[in-house]
Amino acid sequence: MLFDTHAHLNDEQYHEDLQDVIERAQNEGVTHMVVVGFDRPTIQKAMELAEAYAFIYACVGWHPVDAIDMTEEDLHWIEQLASHPKVVALGEMGLDYHWDKSPKEIQKQVFRKQIRLAKKVKLPIVIHNREATADIIEILKQEGAEEVGGIMHCFSSSPEVAKECIKMNFYISLGGPVTFKNAKKPKEVAAEVPLDRLLIETDCPYLAPHPYRGKRNEPGYVRLVAAQIAEIKGLTLEEVAAATTRNAKKLFAIK
């Protein structure tokens, strides 16, 4: 049983062969997936997929790169969707200082609004962090995000930062980069973070694990992420799969 906690099957790259991709994932032992929507079109598609497949769930929110485009109407729409039985989290939200489409102050405002909404609707949050670790941690603390907790998605910081996030009621999610030969930090994080605070993801179609690096990623490849973590921790693939699935079900309140 594998749980891909962060997939973008709503991406246009799956337009031609979505059903094949889903079936391949099931054949690899993927029993649950969360499809993440981060703007109007991708949220709509995530909801459609969650309604079409019993084992697919939706996470809805607004990406920091596009923070400048989010309106109060969008936020109200996300709040309405939060009551849908297949919506298990809000996000991905956070800060992205790599791209400069949305000014930092606007990103921070939109991030804070979404944390407050998550506390109102009592759902965990999924955090996108690119080159903004200190500001993200500061905002999470100031806004009392530990009340809902959530996921540090595609975690790329140090084991020390991971420990700080765990104290704030967050899980650490690892994806394809943990399988890269030169990825020192993700491997250190996999070694040091307790198994009961780890999650696995693909972030597909991005960040495909070795040996598919540079190609289109898909949920079935989450098995390679779990296998790498198992090797690092000296566990079996089955132990990592069972623990990370149990963690995800607990966080997302999936029976």
Protein backbone atom coordinates (compact mmCIF):
# COMPACT_ATOMS: atom_id res chain seq x y z
CA MET A 1 0.00 0.00 0.00
CA LEU A 2 1.59 3.24 -1.19
CA PHE A 3 0.14 6.74 -0.74
CA ASP A 4 1.26 9.46 -3.17
CA THR A 5 0.46 12.52 -1.06
CA HIS A 6 1.20 15.11 -3.75
CA ALA A 7 0.41 14.57 -7.43
CA HIS A 8 -0.58 16.91 -10.24
CA LEU A 9 -2.61 14.51 -12.40
CA ASN A 10 -4.56 17.68 -13.28
CA ASP A 11 -1.56 18.76 -15.38
CA GLU A 12 -1.95 18.94 -19.15
CA GLN A 13 0.94 16.49 -19.54
CA TYR A 14 -1.52 13.69 -18.70
CA HIS A 15 -4.16 14.80 -21.16
CA GLU A 16 -3.51 11.91 -23.58
CA ASP A 17 -2.95 8.95 -21.23
CA LEU A 18 -4.37 9.75 -17.78
CA GLN A 19 -6.18 6.42 -17.37
CA ASP A 20 -3.03 4.48 -18.29
CA VAL A 21 -1.01 6.48 -15.75
CA ILE A 22 -3.57 5.75 -13.02
CA GLU A 23 -3.63 2.04 -13.86
CA ARG A 24 0.18 1.84 -13.82
CA ALA A 25 0.15 3.44 -10.37
CA GLN A 26 -2.34 0.86 -9.10
CA ASN A 27 -0.19 -1.92 -10.53
CA GLU A 28 2.75 -0.55 -8.52
CA GLY A 29 0.70 -0.75 -5.32
CA VAL A 30 -0.48 2.86 -5.07
CA THR A 31 -3.77 2.70 -3.18
CA HIS A 32 -4.30 6.42 -2.49
CA MET A 33 -3.36 9.72 -4.15
CA VAL A 34 -3.94 13.38 -3.38
CA VAL A 35 -4.23 15.60 -6.45
CA VAL A 36 -3.26 19.18 -5.69
CA GLY A 37 -4.97 22.19 -7.24
CA PHE A 38 -3.29 25.58 -6.94
CA ASP A 39 -5.33 27.97 -9.15
CA ARG A 40 -8.82 28.02 -10.70
CA PRO A 41 -8.26 25.52 -13.58
CA THR A 42 -6.17 23.03 -11.58
CA ILE A 43 -8.52 23.11 -8.58
CA GLN A 44 -11.48 22.41 -10.87
CA LYS A 45 -9.68 19.43 -12.41
CA ALA A 46 -8.55 18.12 -9.01
CA MET A 47 -12.17 18.13 -7.85
CA GLU A 48 -13.29 16.29 -11.00
CA LEU A 49 -10.66 13.59 -10.46
CA ALA A 50 -11.51 13.22 -6.76
CA GLU A 51 -15.17 12.76 -7.64
CA ALA A 52 -14.40 10.29 -10.44
CA TYR A 53 -12.08 7.95 -8.51
CA ALA A 54 -12.71 6.54 -5.02
CA PHE A 55 -8.97 6.44 -4.17
CA ILE A 56 -8.15 9.98 -5.33
CA TYR A 57 -8.53 12.93 -2.96
CA ALA A 58 -8.14 16.67 -3.54
CA CYS A 59 -6.08 19.40 -1.93
CA VAL A 60 -7.15 22.93 -2.89
CA GLY A 61 -5.36 26.23 -2.42
CA TRP A 62 -3.42 29.00 -4.11
CA HIS A 63 0.21 28.77 -5.22
CA PRO A 64 2.53 31.57 -4.01
CA VAL A 65 3.88 32.22 -7.52
CA ASP A 66 0.33 33.20 -8.53
CA ALA A 67 -0.54 34.98 -5.28
CA ILE A 68 -0.92 38.29 -7.11
CA ASP A 69 -3.85 36.82 -9.10
CA MET A 70 -5.87 35.56 -6.12
CA THR A 71 -9.06 37.45 -5.31
CA GLU A 72 -11.36 37.38 -2.26
CA GLU A 73 -13.80 35.52 -4.48
CA ASP A 74 -11.18 32.80 -5.06
CA LEU A 75 -10.62 32.48 -1.32
CA HIS A 76 -14.37 32.21 -0.72
CA TRP A 77 -14.57 29.48 -3.39
CA ILE A 78 -11.79 27.52 -1.69
CA GLU A 79 -13.66 27.83 1.60
CA GLN A 80 -16.80 26.41 -0.02
CA LEU A 81 -14.84 23.49 -1.51
CA ALA A 82 -13.27 22.74 1.89
CA SER A 83 -16.53 21.14 3.05
CA HIS A 84 -16.48 18.60 0.18
CA PRO A 85 -15.93 15.08 1.57
CA LYS A 86 -13.03 14.40 -0.83
CA VAL A 87 -11.10 17.59 0.03
CA VAL A 88 -8.52 16.55 2.64
CA ALA A 89 -6.21 19.58 2.87
CA LEU A 90 -5.67 23.19 1.79
CA GLY A 91 -2.71 24.08 -0.44
CA GLU A 92 -0.34 24.11 -1.88
CA MET A 93 0.39 27.42 -0.22
CA GLY A 94 3.51 29.12 1.02
CA LEU A 95 6.30 31.30 -0.36
CA ASP A 96 8.39 31.10 -3.52
CA TYR A 97 11.28 33.54 -3.77
CA HIS A 98 12.74 31.92 -6.90
CA TRP A 99 10.24 33.43 -9.32
CA ASP A 100 9.35 37.11 -9.14
CA LYS A 101 5.82 37.16 -10.56
CA SER A 102 4.23 37.90 -7.17
CA PRO A 103 5.87 40.39 -4.77
CA LYS A 104 6.97 38.89 -1.46
CA GLU A 105 4.54 40.97 0.61
CA ILE A 106 1.57 39.81 -1.48
CA GLN A 107 2.75 36.19 -1.19
CA LYS A 108 2.88 36.57 2.59
CA GLN A 109 -0.61 38.09 2.75
CA VAL A 110 -2.10 35.28 0.65
CA PHE A 111 -0.23 32.67 2.71
CA ARG A 112 -1.57 34.09 5.98
CA LYS A 113 -5.13 34.25 4.65
CA GLN A 114 -4.98 30.57 3.67
CA ILE A 115 -3.59 29.49 7.05
CA ARG A 116 -6.43 31.38 8.77
CA LEU A 117 -8.94 29.72 6.46
CA ALA A 118 -7.48 26.27 7.21
CA LYS A 119 -7.91 26.91 10.94
CA LYS A 120 -11.50 28.01 10.31
CA VAL A 121 -12.39 24.90 8.27
CA LYS A 122 -10.14 22.61 10.36
CA LEU A 123 -8.05 21.14 7.54
CA PRO A 124 -4.27 20.54 7.40
CA ILE A 125 -2.13 22.63 5.06
CA VAL A 126 0.39 21.70 2.36
CA ILE A 127 3.41 24.00 2.26
CA HIS A 128 5.33 25.02 -0.86
CA ASN A 129 8.73 26.46 0.07
CA ARG A 130 11.29 27.71 -2.41
CA GLU A 131 14.20 29.74 -1.05
CA ALA A 132 11.99 31.09 1.77
CA THR A 133 12.50 28.80 4.77
CA ALA A 134 12.99 31.43 7.49
CA ASP A 135 9.96 33.49 6.44
CA ILE A 136 7.76 30.39 6.14
CA ILE A 137 8.63 29.17 9.63
CA GLU A 138 8.08 32.64 11.08
CA ILE A 139 4.61 32.93 9.48
CA LEU A 140 3.60 29.40 10.51
CA LYS A 141 4.50 30.25 14.12
CA GLN A 142 2.86 33.68 14.08
CA GLU A 143 -0.37 32.29 12.61
CA GLY A 144 -0.53 29.30 14.99
CA ALA A 145 -0.45 26.82 12.11
CA GLU A 146 0.36 23.95 14.47
CA GLU A 147 -3.36 23.95 15.33
CA VAL A 148 -4.04 22.23 11.98
CA GLY A 149 -0.56 20.95 11.09
CA GLY A 150 0.15 19.64 7.64
CA ILE A 151 2.92 18.77 5.20
CA MET A 152 6.23 20.31 4.29
CA HIS A 153 5.89 19.27 0.67
CA CYS A 154 8.92 18.09 -1.32
CA PHE A 155 11.14 18.95 1.64
CA SER A 156 14.61 20.19 0.65
CA SER A 157 15.92 21.86 3.81
CA SER A 158 18.17 20.45 6.54
CA PRO A 159 17.39 17.84 9.22
CA GLU A 160 17.49 20.69 11.76
CA VAL A 161 14.73 22.57 9.91
CA ALA A 162 12.78 19.30 9.63
CA LYS A 163 12.88 18.90 13.40
CA GLU A 164 11.60 22.45 13.85
CA CYS A 165 8.71 21.73 11.47
CA ILE A 166 7.84 18.49 13.27
CA LYS A 167 7.58 20.44 16.53
CA MET A 168 4.98 22.60 14.78
CA ASN A 169 2.86 19.49 13.98
CA PHE A 170 4.06 19.05 10.39
CA TYR A 171 4.99 15.93 8.49
CA ILE A 172 8.06 15.85 6.25
CA SER A 173 7.34 14.68 2.71
CA LEU A 174 10.08 13.38 0.44
CA GLY A 175 9.89 12.90 -3.31
CA GLY A 176 12.12 12.04 -6.26
CA PRO A 177 15.17 14.06 -5.14
CA VAL A 178 15.85 11.59 -2.30
CA THR A 179 16.82 9.09 -5.03
CA PHE A 180 19.31 11.44 -6.74
CA LYS A 181 22.94 10.42 -6.22
CA ASN A 182 24.06 13.95 -5.33
CA ALA A 183 21.10 14.80 -3.07
CA LYS A 184 22.83 14.99 0.31
CA LYS A 185 20.18 16.86 2.32
CA PRO A 186 17.13 14.72 1.41
CA LYS A 187 19.09 11.57 2.28
CA GLU A 188 20.12 13.06 5.64
CA VAL A 189 16.50 14.02 6.30
CA ALA A 190 15.31 10.50 5.38
CA ALA A 191 17.83 9.07 7.84
CA GLU A 192 17.04 11.41 10.73
CA VAL A 193 13.29 12.07 10.58
CA PRO A 194 11.30 9.48 12.58
CA LEU A 195 9.27 7.13 10.40
CA ASP A 196 6.03 8.28 12.05
CA ARG A 197 6.59 11.82 10.70
CA LEU A 198 7.52 10.92 7.11
CA LEU A 199 5.35 11.00 4.00
CA ILE A 200 6.14 10.16 0.38
CA GLU A 201 5.10 11.93 -2.80
CA THR A 202 5.94 12.31 -6.47
CA ASP A 203 4.99 15.95 -7.22
CA CYS A 204 4.36 14.48 -10.68
CA PRO A 205 4.80 15.42 -13.49
CA TYR A 206 7.88 17.07 -11.95
CA LEU A 207 10.96 15.69 -10.14
CA ALA A 208 10.90 12.12 -11.44
CA PRO A 209 13.08 9.81 -9.33
CA HIS A 210 16.16 7.98 -10.57
CA PRO A 211 16.31 6.27 -13.11
CA TYR A 212 13.59 8.45 -14.72
CA ARG A 213 15.17 11.78 -13.77
CA GLY A 214 14.42 14.44 -16.39
CA LYS A 215 11.40 12.54 -17.75
CA ARG A 216 7.73 12.96 -16.92
CA ASN A 217 7.03 11.73 -13.41
CA GLU A 218 3.93 9.71 -12.46
CA PRO A 219 2.37 8.35 -9.24
CA GLY A 220 3.61 4.80 -9.78
CA TYR A 221 7.17 6.02 -9.29
CA VAL A 222 6.43 6.78 -5.62
CA ARG A 223 7.49 3.17 -5.02
CA LEU A 224 11.07 4.21 -5.91
CA VAL A 225 10.93 6.98 -3.30
CA ALA A 226 9.73 4.53 -0.65
CA ALA A 227 12.40 2.01 -1.65
CA GLN A 228 15.17 4.61 -1.29
CA ILE A 229 13.95 5.67 2.15
CA ALA A 230 13.78 1.99 3.16
CA GLU A 231 17.38 1.49 2.05
CA ILE A 232 18.56 4.57 3.98
CA LYS A 233 16.71 3.55 7.14
CA GLY A 234 17.57 -0.15 6.93
CA LEU A 235 13.91 -1.12 6.66
CA THR A 236 11.88 -3.08 4.13
CA LEU A 237 9.89 -1.37 1.39
CA GLU A 238 6.75 -2.82 3.00
CA GLU A 239 7.54 -1.21 6.36
CA VAL A 240 8.06 2.23 4.81
CA ALA A 241 4.96 1.87 2.62
CA ALA A 242 2.79 0.83 5.58
CA ALA A 243 4.07 3.60 7.87
CA THR A 244 3.83 6.43 5.35
CA THR A 245 0.35 5.33 4.29
CA ARG A 246 -0.73 5.17 7.94
CA ASN A 247 0.71 8.67 8.52
CA ALA A 248 -1.10 10.11 5.48
CA LYS A 249 -4.44 8.54 6.44
CA LYS A 250 -4.11 9.95 9.94
CA LEU A 251 -3.24 13.45 8.73
CA PHE A 252 -5.96 13.54 6.06
CA ALA A 253 -8.54 11.83 8.33
CA ILE A 254 -9.14 9.05 5.80
CA LYS A 255 -10.81 6.00 7.30
